[in-house]
Amino acid sequence: MPRPKRNRTILSPPVCNGFNPIGIEIKSGSGIDLSLEEYESIRLCDYDHLNHAEACELMSVSRATFARIYESARRKVATAFAEGLSIHFKGGEYSMKENWWKCNQCGSMFSSFAGEVPKRCVLCSSDNIATIHHNTINEECVCPSCGTKSSHRHGKQCRKQSCPDCNKPLFKNRKAQEN
């Protein structure tokens, strides 16, 4: 059995949930899922103009791992462009360096200092703000023996939980994150 993946560090979440092509009809269910670590690798290299050595340090991964993540991201984006598919940002094995919030009034995103929980939006002063939690999407714990499924709880490893039916260790279901 392979060792579990370490969480990759994400400095800031994407400002949107994805992209749609213009000028063609979008089919329901079609599209490419770009994990948050793949998004971050493109942002660091192509937007922030960092080299792989600098980017892998910021994401807390080895250079070889970063190269694999970046190559996968570029292939997915190229496929979406060439085939006219939507790109959705979701899932992945990551942790955010800071806590992030989004204002439901003006749409701005911001982080807090020293772990403080903001009471108002820094831009429009609205109190209608929500925490951004990307990394809890599509994760579940599954029993390999009987197939019982339960929701994955952030911070609790599936393999340290037991199946309520047959008392065997659970495993994290990663199928929803593969492409």
Protein backbone atom coordinates (compact mmCIF):
# COMPACT_ATOMS: atom_id res chain seq x y z
CA MET A 1 0.00 0.00 0.00
CA PRO A 2 1.47 3.42 -0.93
CA ARG A 3 2.09 5.93 1.79
CA PRO A 4 -0.55 8.67 2.21
CA LYS A 5 -0.03 11.97 0.38
CA ARG A 6 1.14 14.91 2.45
CA ASN A 7 -0.99 18.02 2.25
CA ARG A 8 0.34 20.61 -0.17
CA THR A 9 0.33 24.23 1.02
CA ILE A 10 -1.96 26.66 -0.80
CA LEU A 11 -1.19 30.33 -0.19
CA SER A 12 -4.50 31.74 -1.44
CA PRO A 13 -7.70 30.23 -2.87
CA PRO A 14 -8.81 30.93 -6.46
CA VAL A 15 -11.00 34.01 -6.89
CA CYS A 16 -13.63 31.97 -8.77
CA ASN A 17 -14.84 28.36 -8.96
CA GLY A 18 -13.74 27.80 -12.57
CA PHE A 19 -14.05 28.92 -16.20
CA ASN A 20 -16.45 28.26 -19.08
CA PRO A 21 -15.68 28.55 -22.81
CA ILE A 22 -17.49 31.29 -24.73
CA GLY A 23 -19.30 30.66 -28.00
CA ILE A 24 -20.18 26.98 -27.62
CA GLU A 25 -22.93 25.12 -25.82
CA ILE A 26 -21.68 23.65 -22.56
CA LYS A 27 -22.82 20.08 -21.95
CA SER A 28 -23.96 19.24 -18.45
CA GLY A 29 -21.35 17.21 -16.58
CA SER A 30 -18.60 17.94 -19.09
CA GLY A 31 -15.48 19.67 -17.94
CA ILE A 32 -12.10 19.24 -16.38
CA ASP A 33 -11.58 19.20 -12.60
CA LEU A 34 -8.39 21.04 -11.66
CA SER A 35 -7.33 20.29 -8.07
CA LEU A 36 -6.39 23.22 -5.85
CA GLU A 37 -2.73 22.17 -5.79
CA GLU A 38 -2.71 22.07 -9.61
CA TYR A 39 -4.25 25.56 -9.66
CA GLU A 40 -1.61 26.76 -7.17
CA SER A 41 1.26 25.34 -9.26
CA ILE A 42 0.10 27.26 -12.34
CA ARG A 43 -0.45 30.42 -10.30
CA LEU A 44 3.02 30.28 -8.76
CA CYS A 45 4.91 29.51 -12.00
CA ASP A 46 2.94 31.28 -14.71
CA TYR A 47 1.34 34.18 -12.82
CA ASP A 48 3.89 34.90 -10.08
CA HIS A 49 6.84 33.94 -12.38
CA LEU A 50 8.56 31.72 -9.81
CA ASN A 51 10.84 28.89 -10.87
CA HIS A 52 10.09 25.30 -9.80
CA ALA A 53 12.59 25.41 -6.91
CA GLU A 54 10.94 28.49 -5.38
CA ALA A 55 7.41 27.21 -5.99
CA CYS A 56 8.02 23.77 -4.47
CA GLU A 57 9.33 25.42 -1.27
CA LEU A 58 6.14 27.49 -0.96
CA MET A 59 3.93 24.43 -1.53
CA SER A 60 5.94 22.25 0.91
CA VAL A 61 6.61 19.49 -1.65
CA SER A 62 9.69 18.05 -3.33
CA ARG A 63 10.77 19.42 -6.68
CA ALA A 64 9.84 16.16 -8.43
CA THR A 65 6.36 16.20 -6.90
CA PHE A 66 5.89 19.83 -7.91
CA ALA A 67 6.94 19.01 -11.49
CA ARG A 68 4.32 16.21 -11.63
CA ILE A 69 1.58 18.47 -10.25
CA TYR A 70 2.48 21.29 -12.68
CA GLU A 71 2.64 18.97 -15.70
CA SER A 72 -0.75 17.45 -14.83
CA ALA A 73 -2.25 20.94 -14.50
CA ARG A 74 -0.86 22.09 -17.85
CA ARG A 75 -2.19 18.96 -19.60
CA LYS A 76 -5.66 19.49 -18.13
CA VAL A 77 -5.75 23.18 -19.11
CA ALA A 78 -4.54 22.36 -22.64
CA THR A 79 -7.23 19.67 -22.98
CA ALA A 80 -9.91 22.11 -21.81
CA PHE A 81 -8.74 24.77 -24.31
CA ALA A 82 -8.44 22.36 -27.25
CA GLU A 83 -11.77 20.60 -26.62
CA GLY A 84 -13.78 23.60 -25.40
CA LEU A 85 -14.40 22.17 -21.91
CA SER A 86 -15.14 23.96 -18.65
CA ILE A 87 -12.50 24.06 -15.91
CA HIS A 88 -13.66 23.51 -12.31
CA PHE A 89 -11.42 24.15 -9.28
CA LYS A 90 -12.12 21.49 -6.65
CA GLY A 91 -10.67 18.87 -4.37
CA GLY A 92 -7.11 17.86 -3.73
CA GLU A 93 -4.78 17.12 -0.85
CA TYR A 94 -3.88 20.52 0.58
CA SER A 95 -3.97 22.89 3.50
CA MET A 96 -4.16 26.67 3.42
CA LYS A 97 -1.45 28.70 5.07
CA GLU A 98 -4.01 31.19 6.43
CA ASN A 99 -7.75 31.25 7.06
CA TRP A 100 -9.69 32.91 4.23
CA TRP A 101 -13.12 34.54 4.12
CA LYS A 102 -15.41 35.70 1.32
CA CYS A 103 -17.89 38.57 1.54
CA ASN A 104 -21.31 37.48 0.30
CA GLN A 105 -22.23 41.14 -0.32
CA CYS A 106 -19.38 42.39 -2.57
CA GLY A 107 -17.60 39.10 -3.40
CA SER A 108 -14.17 40.13 -2.08
CA MET A 109 -11.88 37.52 -0.51
CA PHE A 110 -9.53 38.26 2.36
CA SER A 111 -7.43 36.58 5.03
CA SER A 112 -7.08 37.54 8.67
CA PHE A 113 -4.02 38.37 10.70
CA ALA A 114 -2.84 36.22 13.62
CA GLY A 115 -5.83 33.88 13.36
CA GLU A 116 -8.41 36.57 14.15
CA VAL A 117 -11.96 35.96 12.99
CA PRO A 118 -13.14 39.07 11.10
CA LYS A 119 -16.52 40.52 11.97
CA ARG A 120 -16.89 42.66 8.82
CA CYS A 121 -15.70 42.72 5.21
CA VAL A 122 -12.53 44.77 4.81
CA LEU A 123 -13.87 46.33 1.59
CA CYS A 124 -17.58 47.08 2.07
CA SER A 125 -17.93 46.61 5.89
CA SER A 126 -20.75 44.07 5.45
CA ASP A 127 -21.16 41.50 8.22
CA ASN A 128 -22.33 38.88 5.66
CA ILE A 129 -19.05 36.93 5.41
CA ALA A 130 -18.32 33.19 5.21
CA THR A 131 -15.26 31.00 5.73
CA ILE A 132 -13.80 29.45 2.59
CA HIS A 133 -13.45 25.66 2.93
CA HIS A 134 -12.32 24.13 -0.37
CA ASN A 135 -10.56 21.02 0.87
CA THR A 136 -13.60 19.21 2.28
CA ILE A 137 -15.19 18.63 -1.15
CA ASN A 138 -15.91 15.06 -2.35
CA GLU A 139 -14.06 13.21 0.40
CA GLU A 140 -15.40 10.14 2.15
CA CYS A 141 -14.13 7.21 4.19
CA VAL A 142 -14.92 3.73 2.82
CA CYS A 143 -14.69 0.25 4.34
CA PRO A 144 -12.76 -2.05 1.95
CA SER A 145 -14.60 -5.13 3.28
CA CYS A 146 -18.28 -4.21 3.32
CA GLY A 147 -18.30 -0.94 1.33
CA THR A 148 -19.85 1.19 4.09
CA LYS A 149 -19.25 4.90 3.44
CA SER A 150 -19.08 7.84 5.83
CA SER A 151 -18.17 11.50 5.43
CA HIS A 152 -14.52 12.37 5.85
CA ARG A 153 -13.95 14.72 8.79
CA HIS A 154 -11.16 17.22 8.22
CA GLY A 155 -8.23 16.53 10.54
CA LYS A 156 -9.22 12.89 11.26
CA GLN A 157 -7.51 10.18 9.26
CA CYS A 158 -9.88 7.60 7.79
CA ARG A 159 -7.55 4.70 8.60
CA LYS A 160 -7.74 5.56 12.32
CA GLN A 161 -11.53 5.17 12.24
CA SER A 162 -13.35 1.83 12.33
CA CYS A 163 -16.28 0.67 10.22
CA PRO A 164 -19.47 0.72 12.32
CA ASP A 165 -20.64 -2.53 10.65
CA CYS A 166 -17.55 -4.79 10.59
CA ASN A 167 -15.06 -2.87 12.80
CA LYS A 168 -12.28 -2.83 10.14
CA PRO A 169 -10.19 0.30 9.39
CA LEU A 170 -11.62 2.72 6.82
CA PHE A 171 -9.75 4.17 3.83
CA LYS A 172 -10.11 7.54 2.10
CA ASN A 173 -11.96 7.37 -1.21
CA ARG A 174 -9.90 9.31 -3.77
CA LYS A 175 -11.82 8.23 -6.90
CA ALA A 176 -13.77 11.48 -7.07
CA GLN A 177 -10.46 13.38 -7.35
CA GLU A 178 -8.83 11.39 -10.17
CA ASN A 179 -8.83 12.45 -13.83
